[in-house]
């Protein structure tokens, strides 16, 4: 995309084989999918920053360690989940266009400073055993927990009229992961 950081964004979500596919859904700090996404089956839900660090979920910089990173666990190599700052760079430095792909999937075409683009489908999220908001909203995990609350993590959140970095991502929900590479 030609971002100032030099960060490379993957062309599709973890679990997808094309940009237009939603891919898999993960609870934050988990590396595999599951049947239900609830508070009681999410090991990171309700943990403070210090608890996440002491249990090895996050490093000294406050981001997921590779052991608990869905991108690293599923794609290997140096692929990882983006930090909150890297998501903010994507928002600030790219042109975002609400788009309907050839297969009818809605989402954002994100065009970088160099003219290259990626597509982020509005894949919704999973709560309990249900898929919600698919086709209308996108929820993408960062590797960074929200520093002031033990239930939230920073997410890239969007719908047709707005894109922003939010801290409202309950860790127990199943959300999309778009890997990055340095």
Protein backbone atom coordinates (compact mmCIF):
# COMPACT_ATOMS: atom_id res chain seq x y z
CA UNK A 1 0.00 0.00 0.00
CA UNK A 2 3.02 2.28 0.30
CA UNK A 3 2.40 3.22 3.92
CA UNK A 4 5.05 5.30 5.72
CA UNK A 5 5.71 2.41 8.14
CA UNK A 6 6.44 0.03 5.26
CA UNK A 7 3.96 -2.43 6.76
CA UNK A 8 2.42 -4.91 4.32
CA UNK A 9 -1.27 -5.83 4.72
CA UNK A 10 -2.43 -9.28 3.60
CA UNK A 11 -4.85 -9.54 0.68
CA UNK A 12 -7.40 -11.62 2.63
CA UNK A 13 -8.54 -12.48 6.14
CA UNK A 14 -7.29 -15.49 8.07
CA UNK A 15 -9.41 -18.46 6.95
CA UNK A 16 -10.25 -16.91 3.57
CA UNK A 17 -8.83 -17.83 0.17
CA UNK A 18 -9.88 -14.60 -1.58
CA UNK A 19 -10.30 -10.96 -0.53
CA UNK A 20 -14.10 -11.17 -0.75
CA UNK A 21 -14.46 -14.11 1.65
CA UNK A 22 -15.18 -13.36 5.31
CA UNK A 23 -12.74 -15.98 6.59
CA UNK A 24 -12.67 -17.33 10.12
CA UNK A 25 -13.68 -15.65 13.37
CA UNK A 26 -11.54 -15.61 16.50
CA UNK A 27 -11.98 -14.49 20.08
CA UNK A 28 -9.15 -12.16 21.06
CA UNK A 29 -6.05 -14.04 22.19
CA UNK A 30 -7.29 -17.32 20.69
CA UNK A 31 -5.83 -19.03 17.65
CA UNK A 32 -8.61 -21.38 16.56
CA UNK A 33 -12.28 -21.06 15.78
CA UNK A 34 -15.00 -22.50 17.99
CA UNK A 35 -18.72 -23.27 17.97
CA UNK A 36 -19.76 -20.56 20.43
CA UNK A 37 -18.25 -17.25 21.46
CA UNK A 38 -19.26 -16.55 25.05
CA UNK A 39 -17.81 -14.92 28.17
CA UNK A 40 -17.40 -18.25 29.94
CA UNK A 41 -15.28 -19.86 27.20
CA UNK A 42 -12.94 -16.92 26.58
CA UNK A 43 -9.76 -17.15 28.68
CA UNK A 44 -8.81 -13.47 28.17
CA UNK A 45 -12.19 -11.97 29.00
CA UNK A 46 -12.04 -9.77 32.09
CA UNK A 47 -8.25 -9.89 32.46
CA UNK A 48 -6.38 -6.66 33.21
CA UNK A 49 -3.24 -5.57 31.35
CA UNK A 50 -1.03 -6.81 34.21
CA UNK A 51 -2.84 -10.16 34.25
CA UNK A 52 -2.46 -10.50 30.46
CA UNK A 53 1.27 -9.80 30.81
CA UNK A 54 1.81 -12.17 33.72
CA UNK A 55 -0.02 -14.97 31.86
CA UNK A 56 2.05 -14.38 28.69
CA UNK A 57 -0.76 -13.14 26.45
CA UNK A 58 0.88 -9.77 25.80
CA UNK A 59 4.47 -8.61 25.67
CA UNK A 60 6.15 -5.67 27.42
CA UNK A 61 4.94 -3.34 24.64
CA UNK A 62 1.33 -4.38 25.33
CA UNK A 63 0.63 -6.46 22.21
CA UNK A 64 -0.26 -10.12 21.77
CA UNK A 65 2.63 -12.55 21.86
CA UNK A 66 3.00 -14.86 18.86
CA UNK A 67 1.68 -17.81 20.87
CA UNK A 68 -1.73 -16.10 21.16
CA UNK A 69 -1.77 -14.29 17.80
CA UNK A 70 -4.31 -15.83 15.36
CA UNK A 71 -2.41 -14.57 12.30
CA UNK A 72 0.93 -16.05 13.42
CA UNK A 73 -0.64 -19.34 14.56
CA UNK A 74 -2.58 -19.87 11.33
CA UNK A 75 -0.27 -18.40 8.70
CA UNK A 76 3.13 -18.87 10.33
CA UNK A 77 6.30 -17.04 9.51
CA UNK A 78 6.34 -13.39 10.42
CA UNK A 79 2.61 -12.78 9.82
CA UNK A 80 0.89 -11.21 12.82
CA UNK A 81 -2.12 -9.18 13.88
CA UNK A 82 -1.74 -5.41 13.51
CA UNK A 83 -1.34 -3.12 16.51
CA UNK A 84 -3.76 -0.31 17.23
CA UNK A 85 -1.22 2.21 15.88
CA UNK A 86 -0.87 0.26 12.63
CA UNK A 87 -4.64 0.19 12.20
CA UNK A 88 -4.74 3.95 12.81
CA UNK A 89 -2.10 4.42 10.10
CA UNK A 90 -4.27 2.43 7.67
CA UNK A 91 -7.23 4.69 8.50
CA UNK A 92 -5.25 7.94 8.28
CA UNK A 93 -3.02 7.29 5.26
CA UNK A 94 -5.38 5.45 2.90
CA UNK A 95 -8.46 6.29 0.88
CA UNK A 96 -11.49 4.26 1.96
CA UNK A 97 -14.28 3.56 -0.56
CA UNK A 98 -17.42 1.58 0.31
CA UNK A 99 -17.47 -1.15 -2.27
CA UNK A 100 -19.60 -4.05 -3.45
CA UNK A 101 -17.40 -6.83 -4.82
CA UNK A 102 -18.35 -8.84 -7.92
CA UNK A 103 -19.81 -11.60 -5.74
CA UNK A 104 -22.02 -9.06 -3.91
CA UNK A 105 -19.96 -8.88 -0.71
CA UNK A 106 -19.90 -5.39 0.78
CA UNK A 107 -16.92 -3.79 2.46
CA UNK A 108 -14.20 -1.21 1.96
CA UNK A 109 -11.68 -0.90 -0.82
CA UNK A 110 -8.65 0.60 0.95
CA UNK A 111 -6.25 2.35 -1.41
CA UNK A 112 -2.76 3.19 -0.21
CA UNK A 113 -0.48 6.10 -1.10
CA UNK A 114 1.13 4.03 -3.88
CA UNK A 115 -2.24 3.26 -5.56
CA UNK A 116 -2.39 -0.40 -4.53
CA UNK A 117 -5.48 -1.54 -2.65
CA UNK A 118 -6.90 -4.23 -0.40
CA UNK A 119 -10.52 -5.16 0.24
CA UNK A 120 -11.86 -5.51 3.79
CA UNK A 121 -15.21 -7.30 3.76
CA UNK A 122 -17.91 -6.26 6.20
CA UNK A 123 -17.78 -9.70 7.81
CA UNK A 124 -19.73 -8.86 10.97
CA UNK A 125 -18.96 -10.76 14.17
CA UNK A 126 -19.91 -13.95 16.01
CA UNK A 127 -21.61 -13.88 19.40
CA UNK A 128 -22.73 -17.12 20.97
CA UNK A 129 -23.29 -19.35 17.94
CA UNK A 130 -24.74 -16.61 15.71
CA UNK A 131 -23.23 -14.45 13.00
CA UNK A 132 -24.36 -10.81 13.30
CA UNK A 133 -24.04 -7.71 11.09
CA UNK A 134 -22.39 -9.51 8.15
CA UNK A 135 -22.68 -7.38 5.02
CA UNK A 136 -23.14 -4.19 7.05
CA UNK A 137 -20.31 -3.89 9.59
CA UNK A 138 -16.67 -4.88 9.82
CA UNK A 139 -14.91 -5.78 13.07
CA UNK A 140 -11.17 -6.50 12.89
CA UNK A 141 -9.01 -7.34 15.91
CA UNK A 142 -5.83 -5.50 16.72
CA UNK A 143 -3.20 -7.12 18.91
CA UNK A 144 -3.56 -4.32 21.47
CA UNK A 145 -5.85 -4.48 24.51
CA UNK A 146 -7.48 -1.26 25.66
CA UNK A 147 -5.38 -0.02 28.56
CA UNK A 148 -8.20 1.26 30.77
CA UNK A 149 -10.62 -1.65 30.77
CA UNK A 150 -10.28 -5.36 31.31
CA UNK A 151 -13.03 -6.28 28.85
CA UNK A 152 -12.04 -4.38 25.71
CA UNK A 153 -9.48 -4.50 22.96
CA UNK A 154 -8.83 -2.05 20.13
CA UNK A 155 -10.58 -2.96 16.90
CA UNK A 156 -10.90 -1.55 13.41
CA UNK A 157 -14.64 -0.91 13.15
CA UNK A 158 -16.51 0.26 10.07
CA UNK A 159 -19.81 0.52 8.25
CA UNK A 160 -20.78 2.29 5.01
CA UNK A 161 -20.56 5.79 6.48
CA UNK A 162 -17.71 5.57 8.99
CA UNK A 163 -14.32 4.00 9.74
CA UNK A 164 -12.57 4.26 13.08
CA UNK A 165 -10.38 2.65 15.68
CA UNK A 166 -12.62 1.63 18.56
CA UNK A 167 -12.01 0.12 21.98
CA UNK A 168 -15.41 -1.53 22.20
CA UNK A 169 -14.34 -4.98 21.07
CA UNK A 170 -15.39 -7.41 23.79
CA UNK A 171 -12.66 -10.09 23.77
CA UNK A 172 -15.15 -12.95 23.81
CA UNK A 173 -16.66 -12.08 20.41
CA UNK A 174 -15.57 -13.82 17.24
CA UNK A 175 -14.07 -11.19 14.93
CA UNK A 176 -12.02 -11.07 11.74
CA UNK A 177 -8.23 -11.03 11.57
CA UNK A 178 -6.33 -9.33 8.74
CA UNK A 179 -2.63 -10.19 9.02
CA UNK A 180 0.27 -7.83 8.49
CA UNK A 181 3.93 -8.35 7.68
CA UNK A 182 6.90 -6.05 8.32
